[in-house]
PDB file of N, CA and C in Angstrom:
ATOM      1  N   MET A   1      50.463  59.322  68.931  1.00  0.00           N
ATOM      2  CA  MET A   1      50.426  60.685  68.463  1.00  0.00           C
ATOM      3  C   MET A   1      51.174  60.768  67.132  1.00  0.00           C
ATOM      4  N   SER A   2      50.643  61.525  66.258  1.00  0.00           N
ATOM      5  CA  SER A   2      51.290  61.620  64.959  1.00  0.00           C
ATOM      6  C   SER A   2      52.372  62.696  64.986  1.00  0.00           C
ATOM      7  N   LEU A   3      53.245  62.591  64.027  1.00  0.00           N
ATOM      8  CA  LEU A   3      54.348  63.541  63.912  1.00  0.00           C
ATOM      9  C   LEU A   3      53.829  64.961  63.692  1.00  0.00           C
ATOM     10  N   LYS A   4      52.761  65.063  62.938  1.00  0.00           N
ATOM     11  CA  LYS A   4      52.179  66.372  62.654  1.00  0.00           C
ATOM     12  C   LYS A   4      51.672  67.036  63.938  1.00  0.00           C
ATOM     13  N   ALA A   5      51.066  66.287  64.802  1.00  0.00           N
ATOM     14  CA  ALA A   5      50.549  66.822  66.060  1.00  0.00           C
ATOM     15  C   ALA A   5      51.689  67.258  66.974  1.00  0.00           C
ATOM     16  N   ILE A   6      52.763  66.487  66.988  1.00  0.00           N
ATOM     17  CA  ILE A   6      53.924  66.836  67.811  1.00  0.00           C
ATOM     18  C   ILE A   6      54.553  68.136  67.319  1.00  0.00           C
ATOM     19  N   LEU A   7      54.730  68.261  66.017  1.00  0.00           N
ATOM     20  CA  LEU A   7      55.313  69.473  65.443  1.00  0.00           C
ATOM     21  C   LEU A   7      54.435  70.691  65.705  1.00  0.00           C
ATOM     22  N   ARG A   8      53.133  70.512  65.577  1.00  0.00           N
ATOM     23  CA  ARG A   8      52.215  71.624  65.816  1.00  0.00           C
ATOM     24  C   ARG A   8      52.282  72.043  67.288  1.00  0.00           C
ATOM     25  N   GLY A   9      52.305  71.097  68.189  1.00  0.00           N
ATOM     26  CA  GLY A   9      52.388  71.403  69.613  1.00  0.00           C
ATOM     27  C   GLY A   9      53.691  72.121  69.965  1.00  0.00           C
ATOM     28  N   THR A  10      54.774  71.684  69.357  1.00  0.00           N
ATOM     29  CA  THR A  10      56.071  72.330  69.589  1.00  0.00           C
ATOM     30  C   THR A  10      56.064  73.763  69.070  1.00  0.00           C
ATOM     31  N   ALA A  11      55.486  73.968  67.903  1.00  0.00           N
ATOM     32  CA  ALA A  11      55.421  75.314  67.330  1.00  0.00           C
ATOM     33  C   ALA A  11      54.589  76.244  68.201  1.00  0.00           C
ATOM     34  N   VAL A  12      53.455  75.754  68.694  1.00  0.00           N
ATOM     35  CA  VAL A  12      52.598  76.579  69.545  1.00  0.00           C
ATOM     36  C   VAL A  12      53.309  76.909  70.854  1.00  0.00           C
ATOM     37  N   ALA A  13      53.967  75.923  71.444  1.00  0.00           N
ATOM     38  CA  ALA A  13      54.681  76.151  72.700  1.00  0.00           C
ATOM     39  C   ALA A  13      55.808  77.166  72.515  1.00  0.00           C
ATOM     40  N   SER A  14      56.550  77.055  71.423  1.00  0.00           N
ATOM     41  CA  SER A  14      57.648  78.004  71.205  1.00  0.00           C
ATOM     42  C   SER A  14      57.116  79.414  70.960  1.00  0.00           C
ATOM     43  N   LEU A  15      55.974  79.541  70.297  1.00  0.00           N
ATOM     44  CA  LEU A  15      55.379  80.863  70.098  1.00  0.00           C
ATOM     45  C   LEU A  15      54.895  81.456  71.415  1.00  0.00           C
ATOM     46  N   LEU A  16      54.342  80.629  72.275  1.00  0.00           N
ATOM     47  CA  LEU A  16      53.880  81.123  73.573  1.00  0.00           C
ATOM     48  C   LEU A  16      55.044  81.648  74.413  1.00  0.00           C
ATOM     49  N   ILE A  17      56.196  81.041  74.262  1.00  0.00           N
ATOM     50  CA  ILE A  17      57.374  81.483  75.000  1.00  0.00           C
ATOM     51  C   ILE A  17      58.018  82.697  74.328  1.00  0.00           C
ATOM     52  N   ALA A  18      58.089  82.696  73.008  1.00  0.00           N
ATOM     53  CA  ALA A  18      58.827  83.718  72.272  1.00  0.00           C
ATOM     54  C   ALA A  18      58.086  85.053  72.181  1.00  0.00           C
ATOM     55  N   VAL A  19      56.773  85.052  72.081  1.00  0.00           N
ATOM     56  CA  VAL A  19      56.025  86.289  71.863  1.00  0.00           C
ATOM     57  C   VAL A  19      56.228  87.280  73.001  1.00  0.00           C
ATOM     58  N   PRO A  20      56.114  86.913  74.276  1.00  0.00           N
ATOM     59  CA  PRO A  20      56.337  87.918  75.337  1.00  0.00           C
ATOM     60  C   PRO A  20      57.774  88.446  75.338  1.00  0.00           C
ATOM     61  N   VAL A  21      58.725  87.599  75.024  1.00  0.00           N
ATOM     62  CA  VAL A  21      60.123  88.034  74.993  1.00  0.00           C
ATOM     63  C   VAL A  21      60.343  89.024  73.865  1.00  0.00           C
ATOM     64  N   LEU A  22      59.795  88.741  72.699  1.00  0.00           N
ATOM     65  CA  LEU A  22      59.959  89.629  71.550  1.00  0.00           C
ATOM     66  C   LEU A  22      59.154  90.917  71.696  1.00  0.00           C
ATOM     67  N   ALA A  23      58.108  90.900  72.502  1.00  0.00           N
ATOM     68  CA  ALA A  23      57.257  92.072  72.654  1.00  0.00           C
ATOM     69  C   ALA A  23      57.829  93.102  73.628  1.00  0.00           C
ATOM     70  N   GLN A  24      58.873  92.756  74.366  1.00  0.00           N
ATOM     71  CA  GLN A  24      59.467  93.704  75.304  1.00  0.00           C
ATOM     72  C   GLN A  24      60.018  94.903  74.548  1.00  0.00           C
ATOM     73  N   THR A  25      59.739  96.106  75.085  1.00  0.00           N
ATOM     74  CA  THR A  25      60.218  97.313  74.418  1.00  0.00           C
ATOM     75  C   THR A  25      61.593  97.723  74.916  1.00  0.00           C
ATOM     76  N   ALA A  26      61.905  97.472  76.181  1.00  0.00           N
ATOM     77  CA  ALA A  26      63.204  97.846  76.736  1.00  0.00           C
ATOM     78  C   ALA A  26      63.861  96.603  77.319  1.00  0.00           C
ATOM     79  N   PRO A  27      65.180  96.511  77.214  1.00  0.00           N
ATOM     80  CA  PRO A  27      65.854  95.365  77.806  1.00  0.00           C
ATOM     81  C   PRO A  27      65.791  95.453  79.330  1.00  0.00           C
ATOM     82  N   PRO A  28      65.877  94.319  80.003  1.00  0.00           N
ATOM     83  CA  PRO A  28      65.870  94.350  81.466  1.00  0.00           C
ATOM     84  C   PRO A  28      67.045  95.170  81.999  1.00  0.00           C
ATOM     85  N   ALA A  29      66.860  95.825  83.137  1.00  0.00           N
ATOM     86  CA  ALA A  29      67.869  96.728  83.690  1.00  0.00           C
ATOM     87  C   ALA A  29      69.159  96.003  84.030  1.00  0.00           C
ATOM     88  N   ASP A  30      69.081  94.757  84.499  1.00  0.00           N
ATOM     89  CA  ASP A  30      70.294  94.048  84.902  1.00  0.00           C
ATOM     90  C   ASP A  30      71.148  93.604  83.725  1.00  0.00           C
ATOM     91  N   SER A  31      70.589  93.538  82.532  1.00  0.00           N
ATOM     92  CA  SER A  31      71.376  93.103  81.383  1.00  0.00           C
ATOM     93  C   SER A  31      71.945  94.274  80.579  1.00  0.00           C
ATOM     94  N   ALA A  32      71.601  95.506  80.958  1.00  0.00           N
ATOM     95  CA  ALA A  32      72.084  96.670  80.216  1.00  0.00           C
ATOM     96  C   ALA A  32      73.560  96.921  80.528  1.00  0.00           C
ATOM     97  N   ASN A  33      74.330  97.252  79.494  1.00  0.00           N
ATOM     98  CA  ASN A  33      75.737  97.603  79.693  1.00  0.00           C
ATOM     99  C   ASN A  33      75.834  98.978  80.335  1.00  0.00           C
ATOM    100  N   LYS A  34      76.902  99.190  81.075  1.00  0.00           N
ATOM    101  CA  LYS A  34      77.148 100.518  81.619  1.00  0.00           C
ATOM    102  C   LYS A  34      77.523 101.440  80.469  1.00  0.00           C
ATOM    103  N   ALA A  35      77.206 102.700  80.598  1.00  0.00           N
ATOM    104  CA  ALA A  35      77.505 103.658  79.533  1.00  0.00           C
ATOM    105  C   ALA A  35      79.008 103.757  79.336  1.00  0.00           C
ATOM    106  N   GLY A  36      79.444 103.670  78.084  1.00  0.00           N
ATOM    107  CA  GLY A  36      80.856 103.845  77.776  1.00  0.00           C
ATOM    108  C   GLY A  36      81.682 102.586  77.858  1.00  0.00           C
ATOM    109  N   GLN A  37      81.080 101.465  78.183  1.00  0.00           N
ATOM    110  CA  GLN A  37      81.852 100.233  78.261  1.00  0.00           C
ATOM    111  C   GLN A  37      81.413  99.289  77.170  1.00  0.00           C
ATOM    112  N   CYS A  38      82.365  98.731  76.507  1.00  0.00           N
ATOM    113  CA  CYS A  38      82.118  97.740  75.480  1.00  0.00           C
ATOM    114  C   CYS A  38      82.350  96.378  76.103  1.00  0.00           C
ATOM    115  N   GLU A  39      81.350  95.533  76.048  1.00  0.00           N
ATOM    116  CA  GLU A  39      81.490  94.268  76.738  1.00  0.00           C
ATOM    117  C   GLU A  39      82.415  93.319  75.998  1.00  0.00           C
ATOM    118  N   GLY A  40      82.348  93.273  74.689  1.00  0.00           N
ATOM    119  CA  GLY A  40      83.259  92.422  73.943  1.00  0.00           C
ATOM    120  C   GLY A  40      83.114  90.965  74.325  1.00  0.00           C
ATOM    121  N   ARG A  41      84.113  90.158  73.968  1.00  0.00           N
ATOM    122  CA  ARG A  41      84.009  88.746  74.290  1.00  0.00           C
ATOM    123  C   ARG A  41      84.868  88.380  75.480  1.00  0.00           C
ATOM    124  N   HIS A  42      85.521  89.340  76.093  1.00  0.00           N
ATOM    125  CA  HIS A  42      86.445  89.040  77.176  1.00  0.00           C
ATOM    126  C   HIS A  42      86.003  89.601  78.514  1.00  0.00           C
ATOM    127  N   GLY A  43      84.721  89.765  78.719  1.00  0.00           N
ATOM    128  CA  GLY A  43      84.286  90.180  80.036  1.00  0.00           C
ATOM    129  C   GLY A  43      83.780  91.598  80.105  1.00  0.00           C
ATOM    130  N   ARG A  44      83.694  92.102  81.306  1.00  0.00           N
ATOM    131  CA  ARG A  44      83.005  93.356  81.543  1.00  0.00           C
ATOM    132  C   ARG A  44      83.931  94.532  81.723  1.00  0.00           C
ATOM    133  N   HIS A  45      85.210  94.413  81.495  1.00  0.00           N
ATOM    134  CA  HIS A  45      86.150  95.483  81.799  1.00  0.00           C
ATOM    135  C   HIS A  45      86.443  96.386  80.619  1.00  0.00           C
ATOM    136  N   GLY A  46      85.606  96.382  79.635  1.00  0.00           N
ATOM    137  CA  GLY A  46      85.739  97.341  78.546  1.00  0.00           C
ATOM    138  C   GLY A  46      86.854  97.012  77.581  1.00  0.00           C
ATOM    139  N   GLY A  47      86.832  97.662  76.465  1.00  0.00           N
ATOM    140  CA  GLY A  47      87.880  97.496  75.478  1.00  0.00           C
ATOM    141  C   GLY A  47      87.581  96.423  74.466  1.00  0.00           C
ATOM    142  N   GLY A  48      86.918  95.358  74.851  1.00  0.00           N
ATOM    143  CA  GLY A  48      86.592  94.304  73.916  1.00  0.00           C
ATOM    144  C   GLY A  48      87.774  93.451  73.522  1.00  0.00           C
ATOM    145  N   HIS A  49      88.863  93.574  74.193  1.00  0.00           N
ATOM    146  CA  HIS A  49      90.035  92.760  73.904  1.00  0.00           C
ATOM    147  C   HIS A  49      90.735  92.421  75.213  1.00  0.00           C
ATOM    148  N   PRO A  50      91.671  91.460  75.190  1.00  0.00           N
ATOM    149  CA  PRO A  50      92.303  91.021  76.436  1.00  0.00           C
ATOM    150  C   PRO A  50      93.002  92.122  77.212  1.00  0.00           C
ATOM    151  N   PHE A  51      93.401  93.184  76.542  1.00  0.00           N
ATOM    152  CA  PHE A  51      94.072  94.269  77.234  1.00  0.00           C
ATOM    153  C   PHE A  51      93.083  95.195  77.932  1.00  0.00           C
ATOM    154  N   GLY A  52      91.786  94.960  77.765  1.00  0.00           N
ATOM    155  CA  GLY A  52      90.777  95.775  78.445  1.00  0.00           C
ATOM    156  C   GLY A  52      90.893  95.666  79.951  1.00  0.00           C
ATOM    157  N   ARG A  53      91.143  94.452  80.436  1.00  0.00           N
ATOM    158  CA  ARG A  53      91.331  94.264  81.872  1.00  0.00           C
ATOM    159  C   ARG A  53      92.574  94.993  82.337  1.00  0.00           C
ATOM    160  N   MET A  54      93.633  94.941  81.507  1.00  0.00           N
ATOM    161  CA  MET A  54      94.872  95.620  81.865  1.00  0.00           C
ATOM    162  C   MET A  54      94.625  97.130  81.964  1.00  0.00           C
ATOM    163  N   GLU A  55      93.878  97.674  81.019  1.00  0.00           N
ATOM    164  CA  GLU A  55      93.562  99.096  81.052  1.00  0.00           C
ATOM    165  C   GLU A  55      92.763  99.434  82.311  1.00  0.00           C
ATOM    166  N   HIS A  56      91.828  98.577  82.655  1.00  0.00           N
ATOM    167  CA  HIS A  56      91.024  98.801  83.858  1.00  0.00           C
ATOM    168  C   HIS A  56      91.921  98.803  85.096  1.00  0.00           C
ATOM    169  N   ARG A  57      92.842  97.852  85.179  1.00  0.00           N
ATOM    170  CA  ARG A  57      93.743  97.796  86.330  1.00  0.00           C
ATOM    171  C   ARG A  57      94.670  99.001  86.379  1.00  0.00           C
ATOM    172  N   LEU A  58      95.148  99.451  85.215  1.00  0.00           N
ATOM    173  CA  LEU A  58      96.012 100.634  85.187  1.00  0.00           C
ATOM    174  C   LEU A  58      95.251 101.869  85.672  1.00  0.00           C
ATOM    175  N   ASP A  59      94.004 102.004  85.254  1.00  0.00           N
ATOM    176  CA  ASP A  59      93.187 103.127  85.721  1.00  0.00           C
ATOM    177  C   ASP A  59      93.017 103.073  87.236  1.00  0.00           C
ATOM    178  N   LYS A  60      92.855 101.881  87.750  1.00  0.00           N
ATOM    179  CA  LYS A  60      92.709 101.710  89.198  1.00  0.00           C
ATOM    180  C   LYS A  60      93.996 102.106  89.922  1.00  0.00           C
ATOM    181  N   GLN A  61      95.152 101.731  89.342  1.00  0.00           N
ATOM    182  CA  GLN A  61      96.436 102.084  89.947  1.00  0.00           C
ATOM    183  C   GLN A  61      96.640 103.604  89.946  1.00  0.00           C
ATOM    184  N   VAL A  62      96.199 104.271  88.895  1.00  0.00           N
ATOM    185  CA  VAL A  62      96.295 105.735  88.830  1.00  0.00           C
ATOM    186  C   VAL A  62      95.398 106.349  89.899  1.00  0.00           C
ATOM    187  N   ALA A  63      94.188 105.819  90.041  1.00  0.00           N
ATOM    188  CA  ALA A  63      93.258 106.349  91.039  1.00  0.00           C
ATOM    189  C   ALA A  63      93.813 106.172  92.451  1.00  0.00           C
ATOM    190  N   GLU A  64      94.551 105.095  92.675  1.00  0.00           N
ATOM    191  CA  GLU A  64      95.139 104.850  93.996  1.00  0.00           C
ATOM    192  C   GLU A  64      96.443 105.608  94.192  1.00  0.00           C
ATOM    193  N   GLY A  65      96.942 106.254  93.144  1.00  0.00           N
ATOM    194  CA  GLY A  65      98.162 107.039  93.258  1.00  0.00           C
ATOM    195  C   GLY A  65      99.441 106.220  93.140  1.00  0.00           C
ATOM    196  N   ARG A  66      99.342 105.004  92.649  1.00  0.00           N
ATOM    197  CA  ARG A  66     100.521 104.147  92.528  1.00  0.00           C
ATOM    198  C   ARG A  66     101.233 104.329  91.191  1.00  0.00           C
ATOM    199  N   LEU A  67     100.543 104.898  90.205  1.00  0.00           N
ATOM    200  CA  LEU A  67     101.105 105.212  88.890  1.00  0.00           C
ATOM    201  C   LEU A  67     100.666 106.623  88.511  1.00  0.00           C
ATOM    202  N   THR A  68     101.481 107.268  87.676  1.00  0.00           N
ATOM    203  CA  THR A  68     101.050 108.554  87.137  1.00  0.00           C
ATOM    204  C   THR A  68     100.195 108.295  85.904  1.00  0.00           C
ATOM    205  N   GLN A  69      99.407 109.282  85.546  1.00  0.00           N
ATOM    206  CA  GLN A  69      98.561 109.130  84.363  1.00  0.00           C
ATOM    207  C   GLN A  69      99.422 108.952  83.111  1.00  0.00           C
ATOM    208  N   ALA A  70     100.583 109.625  83.047  1.00  0.00           N
ATOM    209  CA  ALA A  70     101.473 109.510  81.894  1.00  0.00           C
ATOM    210  C   ALA A  70     102.017 108.085  81.770  1.00  0.00           C
ATOM    211  N   GLN A  71     102.393 107.484  82.905  1.00  0.00           N
ATOM    212  CA  GLN A  71     102.887 106.104  82.865  1.00  0.00           C
ATOM    213  C   GLN A  71     101.787 105.161  82.378  1.00  0.00           C
ATOM    214  N   ALA A  72     100.594 105.324  82.926  1.00  0.00           N
ATOM    215  CA  ALA A  72      99.478 104.468  82.546  1.00  0.00           C
ATOM    216  C   ALA A  72      99.148 104.630  81.062  1.00  0.00           C
ATOM    217  N   ASP A  73      99.152 105.873  80.581  1.00  0.00           N
ATOM    218  CA  ASP A  73      98.868 106.104  79.163  1.00  0.00           C
ATOM    219  C   ASP A  73      99.926 105.461  78.278  1.00  0.00           C
ATOM    220  N   GLY A  74     101.187 105.512  78.698  1.00  0.00           N
ATOM    221  CA  GLY A  74     102.259 104.870  77.940  1.00  0.00           C
ATOM    222  C   GLY A  74     102.075 103.368  77.873  1.00  0.00           C
ATOM    223  N   PHE A  75     101.727 102.760  79.008  1.00  0.00           N
ATOM    224  CA  PHE A  75     101.501 101.313  79.030  1.00  0.00           C
ATOM    225  C   PHE A  75     100.289 100.937  78.189  1.00  0.00           C
ATOM    226  N   LYS A  76      99.235 101.756  78.264  1.00  0.00           N
ATOM    227  CA  LYS A  76      98.042 101.486  77.466  1.00  0.00           C
ATOM    228  C   LYS A  76      98.356 101.575  75.971  1.00  0.00           C
ATOM    229  N   ALA A  77      99.150 102.582  75.588  1.00  0.00           N
ATOM    230  CA  ALA A  77      99.502 102.746  74.175  1.00  0.00           C
ATOM    231  C   ALA A  77     100.334 101.551  73.691  1.00  0.00           C
ATOM    232  N   GLU A  78     101.257 101.104  74.527  1.00  0.00           N
ATOM    233  CA  GLU A  78     102.084  99.952  74.148  1.00  0.00           C
ATOM    234  C   GLU A  78     101.233  98.690  74.031  1.00  0.00           C
ATOM    235  N   ALA A  79     100.293  98.512  74.949  1.00  0.00           N
ATOM    236  CA  ALA A  79      99.404  97.350  74.900  1.00  0.00           C
ATOM    237  C   ALA A  79      98.517  97.398  73.654  1.00  0.00           C
ATOM    238  N   LYS A  80      98.026  98.586  73.343  1.00  0.00           N
ATOM    239  CA  LYS A  80      97.169  98.732  72.155  1.00  0.00           C
ATOM    240  C   LYS A  80      97.960  98.441  70.880  1.00  0.00           C
ATOM    241  N   GLN A  81      99.199  98.918  70.822  1.00  0.00           N
ATOM    242  CA  GLN A  81     100.041  98.665  69.658  1.00  0.00           C
ATOM    243  C   GLN A  81     100.306  97.174  69.507  1.00  0.00           C
ATOM    244  N   LEU A  82     100.594  96.506  70.607  1.00  0.00           N
ATOM    245  CA  LEU A  82     100.836  95.067  70.568  1.00  0.00           C
ATOM    246  C   LEU A  82      99.586  94.332  70.103  1.00  0.00           C
ATOM    247  N   HIS A  83      98.439  94.759  70.604  1.00  0.00           N
ATOM    248  CA  HIS A  83      97.177  94.139  70.199  1.00  0.00           C
ATOM    249  C   HIS A  83      96.923  94.329  68.703  1.00  0.00           C
ATOM    250  N   GLU A  84      97.158  95.548  68.210  1.00  0.00           N
ATOM    251  CA  GLU A  84      96.959  95.819  66.776  1.00  0.00           C
ATOM    252  C   GLU A  84      97.914  94.996  65.917  1.00  0.00           C
ATOM    253  N   GLU A  85      99.156  94.841  66.365  1.00  0.00           N
ATOM    254  CA  GLU A  85     100.123  94.026  65.610  1.00  0.00           C
ATOM    255  C   GLU A  85      99.701  92.565  65.588  1.00  0.00           C
ATOM    256  N   MET A  86      99.157  92.080  66.698  1.00  0.00           N
ATOM    257  CA  MET A  86      98.674  90.691  66.733  1.00  0.00           C
ATOM    258  C   MET A  86      97.502  90.521  65.766  1.00  0.00           C
ATOM    259  N   LYS A  87      96.588  91.493  65.761  1.00  0.00           N
ATOM    260  CA  LYS A  87      95.455  91.425  64.834  1.00  0.00           C
ATOM    261  C   LYS A  87      95.925  91.447  63.387  1.00  0.00           C
ATOM    262  N   ALA A  88      96.902  92.306  63.085  1.00  0.00           N
ATOM    263  CA  ALA A  88      97.407  92.411  61.722  1.00  0.00           C
ATOM    264  C   ALA A  88      98.085  91.114  61.301  1.00  0.00           C
ATOM    265  N   ALA A  89      98.856  90.508  62.203  1.00  0.00           N
ATOM    266  CA  ALA A  89      99.525  89.246  61.882  1.00  0.00           C
ATOM    267  C   ALA A  89      98.494  88.151  61.628  1.00  0.00           C
ATOM    268  N   ARG A  90      97.444  88.143  62.423  1.00  0.00           N
ATOM    269  CA  ARG A  90      96.394  87.145  62.250  1.00  0.00           C
ATOM    270  C   ARG A  90      95.660  87.366  60.932  1.00  0.00           C
ATOM    271  N   ALA A  91      95.387  88.628  60.609  1.00  0.00           N
ATOM    272  CA  ALA A  91      94.650  88.948  59.385  1.00  0.00           C
ATOM    273  C   ALA A  91      95.466  88.619  58.131  1.00  0.00           C
ATOM    274  N   SER A  92      96.782  88.812  58.214  1.00  0.00           N
ATOM    275  CA  SER A  92      97.611  88.557  57.036  1.00  0.00           C
ATOM    276  C   SER A  92      97.775  87.065  56.747  1.00  0.00           C
ATOM    277  N   ASN A  93      97.476  86.226  57.726  1.00  0.00           N
ATOM    278  CA  ASN A  93      97.620  84.781  57.542  1.00  0.00           C
ATOM    279  C   ASN A  93      96.278  84.064  57.636  1.00  0.00           C
ATOM    280  N   ASN A  94      95.215  84.730  57.219  1.00  0.00           N
ATOM    281  CA  ASN A  94      93.870  84.147  57.207  1.00  0.00           C
ATOM    282  C   ASN A  94      93.448  83.607  58.561  1.00  0.00           C
ATOM    283  N   GLY A  95      93.720  84.342  59.607  1.00  0.00           N
ATOM    284  CA  GLY A  95      93.286  83.957  60.938  1.00  0.00           C
ATOM    285  C   GLY A  95      94.196  82.974  61.653  1.00  0.00           C
ATOM    286  N   GLN A  96      95.264  82.556  61.015  1.00  0.00           N
ATOM    287  CA  GLN A  96      96.189  81.599  61.624  1.00  0.00           C
ATOM    288  C   GLN A  96      97.526  82.272  61.871  1.00  0.00           C
ATOM    289  N   VAL A  97      98.116  81.999  63.035  1.00  0.00           N
ATOM    290  CA  VAL A  97      99.435  82.531  63.366  1.00  0.00           C
ATOM    291  C   VAL A  97     100.309  81.341  63.720  1.00  0.00           C
ATOM    292  N   ASP A  98     101.506  81.285  63.134  1.00  0.00           N
ATOM    293  CA  ASP A  98     102.384  80.148  63.429  1.00  0.00           C
ATOM    294  C   ASP A  98     102.926  80.240  64.854  1.00  0.00           C
ATOM    295  N   GLU A  99     103.474  79.147  65.338  1.00  0.00           N
ATOM    296  CA  GLU A  99     103.919  79.062  66.730  1.00  0.00           C
ATOM    297  C   GLU A  99     105.036  80.061  67.050  1.00  0.00           C
ATOM    298  N   ALA A 100     105.933  80.307  66.106  1.00  0.00           N
ATOM    299  CA  ALA A 100     107.039  81.235  66.358  1.00  0.00           C
ATOM    300  C   ALA A 100     106.509  82.652  66.580  1.00  0.00           C
ATOM    301  N   THR A 101     105.575  83.068  65.751  1.00  0.00           N
ATOM    302  CA  THR A 101     104.988  84.401  65.896  1.00  0.00           C
ATOM    303  C   THR A 101     104.194  84.492  67.192  1.00  0.00           C
ATOM    304  N   ARG A 102     103.447  83.442  67.495  1.00  0.00           N
ATOM    305  CA  ARG A 102     102.663  83.418  68.731  1.00  0.00           C
ATOM    306  C   ARG A 102     103.577  83.525  69.946  1.00  0.00           C
ATOM    307  N   ALA A 103     104.686  82.802  69.924  1.00  0.00           N
ATOM    308  CA  ALA A 103     105.638  82.844  71.038  1.00  0.00           C
ATOM    309  C   ALA A 103     106.259  84.237  71.171  1.00  0.00           C
ATOM    310  N   GLN A 104     106.539  84.870  70.030  1.00  0.00           N
ATOM    311  CA  GLN A 104     107.112  86.214  70.058  1.00  0.00           C
ATOM    312  C   GLN A 104     106.142  87.207  70.714  1.00  0.00           C
ATOM    313  N   PHE A 105     104.864  87.147  70.333  1.00  0.00           N
ATOM    314  CA  PHE A 105     103.873  88.044  70.926  1.00  0.00           C
ATOM    315  C   PHE A 105     103.679  87.730  72.413  1.00  0.00           C
ATOM    316  N   LYS A 106     103.742  86.459  72.770  1.00  0.00           N
ATOM    317  CA  LYS A 106     103.601  86.082  74.170  1.00  0.00           C
ATOM    318  C   LYS A 106     104.746  86.658  75.004  1.00  0.00           C
ATOM    319  N   GLU A 107     105.964  86.624  74.461  1.00  0.00           N
ATOM    320  CA  GLU A 107     107.115  87.191  75.160  1.00  0.00           C
ATOM    321  C   GLU A 107     106.989  88.708  75.295  1.00  0.00           C
ATOM    322  N   ARG A 108     106.498  89.374  74.240  1.00  0.00           N
ATOM    323  CA  ARG A 108     106.327  90.824  74.306  1.00  0.00           C
ATOM    324  C   ARG A 108     105.266  91.206  75.332  1.00  0.00           C
ATOM    325  N   ARG A 109     104.189  90.411  75.398  1.00  0.00           N
ATOM    326  CA  ARG A 109     103.143  90.677  76.385  1.00  0.00           C
ATOM    327  C   ARG A 109     103.692  90.478  77.800  1.00  0.00           C
ATOM    328  N   LYS A 110     104.496  89.435  77.963  1.00  0.00           N
ATOM    329  CA  LYS A 110     105.108  89.162  79.266  1.00  0.00           C
ATOM    330  C   LYS A 110     106.056  90.303  79.660  1.00  0.00           C
ATOM    331  N   ALA A 111     106.829  90.804  78.694  1.00  0.00           N
ATOM    332  CA  ALA A 111     107.743  91.916  78.966  1.00  0.00           C
ATOM    333  C   ALA A 111     106.971  93.174  79.374  1.00  0.00           C
ATOM    334  N   LEU A 112     105.841  93.423  78.729  1.00  0.00           N
ATOM    335  CA  LEU A 112     105.011  94.576  79.087  1.00  0.00           C
ATOM    336  C   LEU A 112     104.503  94.442  80.520  1.00  0.00           C
ATOM    337  N   LYS A 113     104.053  93.257  80.876  1.00  0.00           N
ATOM    338  CA  LYS A 113     103.572  93.042  82.242  1.00  0.00           C
ATOM    339  C   LYS A 113     104.698  93.232  83.255  1.00  0.00           C
ATOM    340  N   GLU A 114     105.908  92.804  82.898  1.00  0.00           N
ATOM    341  CA  GLU A 114     107.059  92.987  83.796  1.00  0.00           C
ATOM    342  C   GLU A 114     107.392  94.466  83.956  1.00  0.00           C
ATOM    343  N   LYS A 115     107.272  95.244  82.863  1.00  0.00           N
ATOM    344  CA  LYS A 115     107.519  96.689  82.956  1.00  0.00           C
ATOM    345  C   LYS A 115     106.515  97.349  83.895  1.00  0.00           C
ATOM    346  N   ILE A 116     105.274  96.900  83.824  1.00  0.00           N
ATOM    347  CA  ILE A 116     104.246  97.454  84.699  1.00  0.00           C
ATOM    348  C   ILE A 116     104.558  97.094  86.146  1.00  0.00           C
ATOM    349  N   LYS A 117     104.943  95.857  86.379  1.00  0.00           N
ATOM    350  CA  LYS A 117     105.304  95.436  87.738  1.00  0.00           C
ATOM    351  C   LYS A 117     106.479  96.239  88.261  1.00  0.00           C
ATOM    352  N   ALA A 118     107.468  96.487  87.387  1.00  0.00           N
ATOM    353  CA  ALA A 118     108.640  97.262  87.806  1.00  0.00           C
ATOM    354  C   ALA A 118     108.246  98.692  88.159  1.00  0.00           C
ATOM    355  N   ALA A 119     107.300  99.260  87.431  1.00  0.00           N
ATOM    356  CA  ALA A 119     106.852 100.618  87.730  1.00  0.00           C
ATOM    357  C   ALA A 119     106.091 100.664  89.051  1.00  0.00           C
ATOM    358  N   LEU A 120     105.416  99.574  89.400  1.00  0.00           N
ATOM    359  CA  LEU A 120     104.665  99.525  90.653  1.00  0.00           C
ATOM    360  C   LEU A 120     105.534  99.118  91.836  1.00  0.00           C
ATOM    361  N   ALA A 121     106.686  98.520  91.592  1.00  0.00           N
ATOM    362  CA  ALA A 121     107.520  97.964  92.669  1.00  0.00           C
ATOM    363  C   ALA A 121     107.948  99.006  93.715  1.00  0.00           C
ATOM    364  N   PRO A 122     108.397 100.205  93.351  1.00  0.00           N
ATOM    365  CA  PRO A 122     108.805 101.159  94.395  1.00  0.00           C
ATOM    366  C   PRO A 122     107.673 101.510  95.358  1.00  0.00           C
ATOM    367  N   THR A 123     106.451 101.590  94.866  1.00  0.00           N
ATOM    368  CA  THR A 123     105.332 101.933  95.740  1.00  0.00           C
ATOM    369  C   THR A 123     104.941 100.751  96.606  1.00  0.00           C
ATOM    370  N   GLN A 124     105.193  99.537  96.140  1.00  0.00           N
ATOM    371  CA  GLN A 124     104.841  98.361  96.937  1.00  0.00           C
ATOM    372  C   GLN A 124     105.786  98.197  98.114  1.00  0.00           C
ATOM    373  N   GLN A 125     107.058  98.574  97.966  1.00  0.00           N
ATOM    374  CA  GLN A 125     108.021  98.433  99.042  1.00  0.00           C
ATOM    375  C   GLN A 125     107.756  99.433 100.164  1.00  0.00           C
ATOM    376  N   GLY A 126     107.297 100.609  99.819  1.00  0.00           N
ATOM    377  CA  GLY A 126     107.050 101.652 100.802  1.00  0.00           C
ATOM    378  C   GLY A 126     105.795 101.404 101.613  1.00  0.00           C
ATOM    379  N   ALA A 127     104.917 100.561 101.140  1.00  0.00           N
ATOM    380  CA  ALA A 127     103.635 100.337 101.836  1.00  0.00           C
ATOM    381  C   ALA A 127     103.741  99.317 102.935  1.00  0.00           C
TER     382      ALA A 127
END
């Protein structure tokens, strides 16, 4: 078989596969995002950043009555501020952050998680 015949066959096969996919007018129902949620690169919990899962968990804790909405909003604001500072540090250094700065942000994130745990601790003991 000649190279030309192989290339032609490959092109025809790829068109046969691609045309029905490209002709679809609506995306399949299972691949559609839920309204109001940004999928981002970190999963399905909204926000598009690593703190999206944290926000989702805080909302769940509020719904269960383990946190007040004010506490959850405070934690969300602190997480968002930390995220914005990390983005700014990364942007100011052309996408690179040195180890000292990375360690500092890691410690601040850990401290935030500990504050959340401390806020949940009184309700965990009573249960």
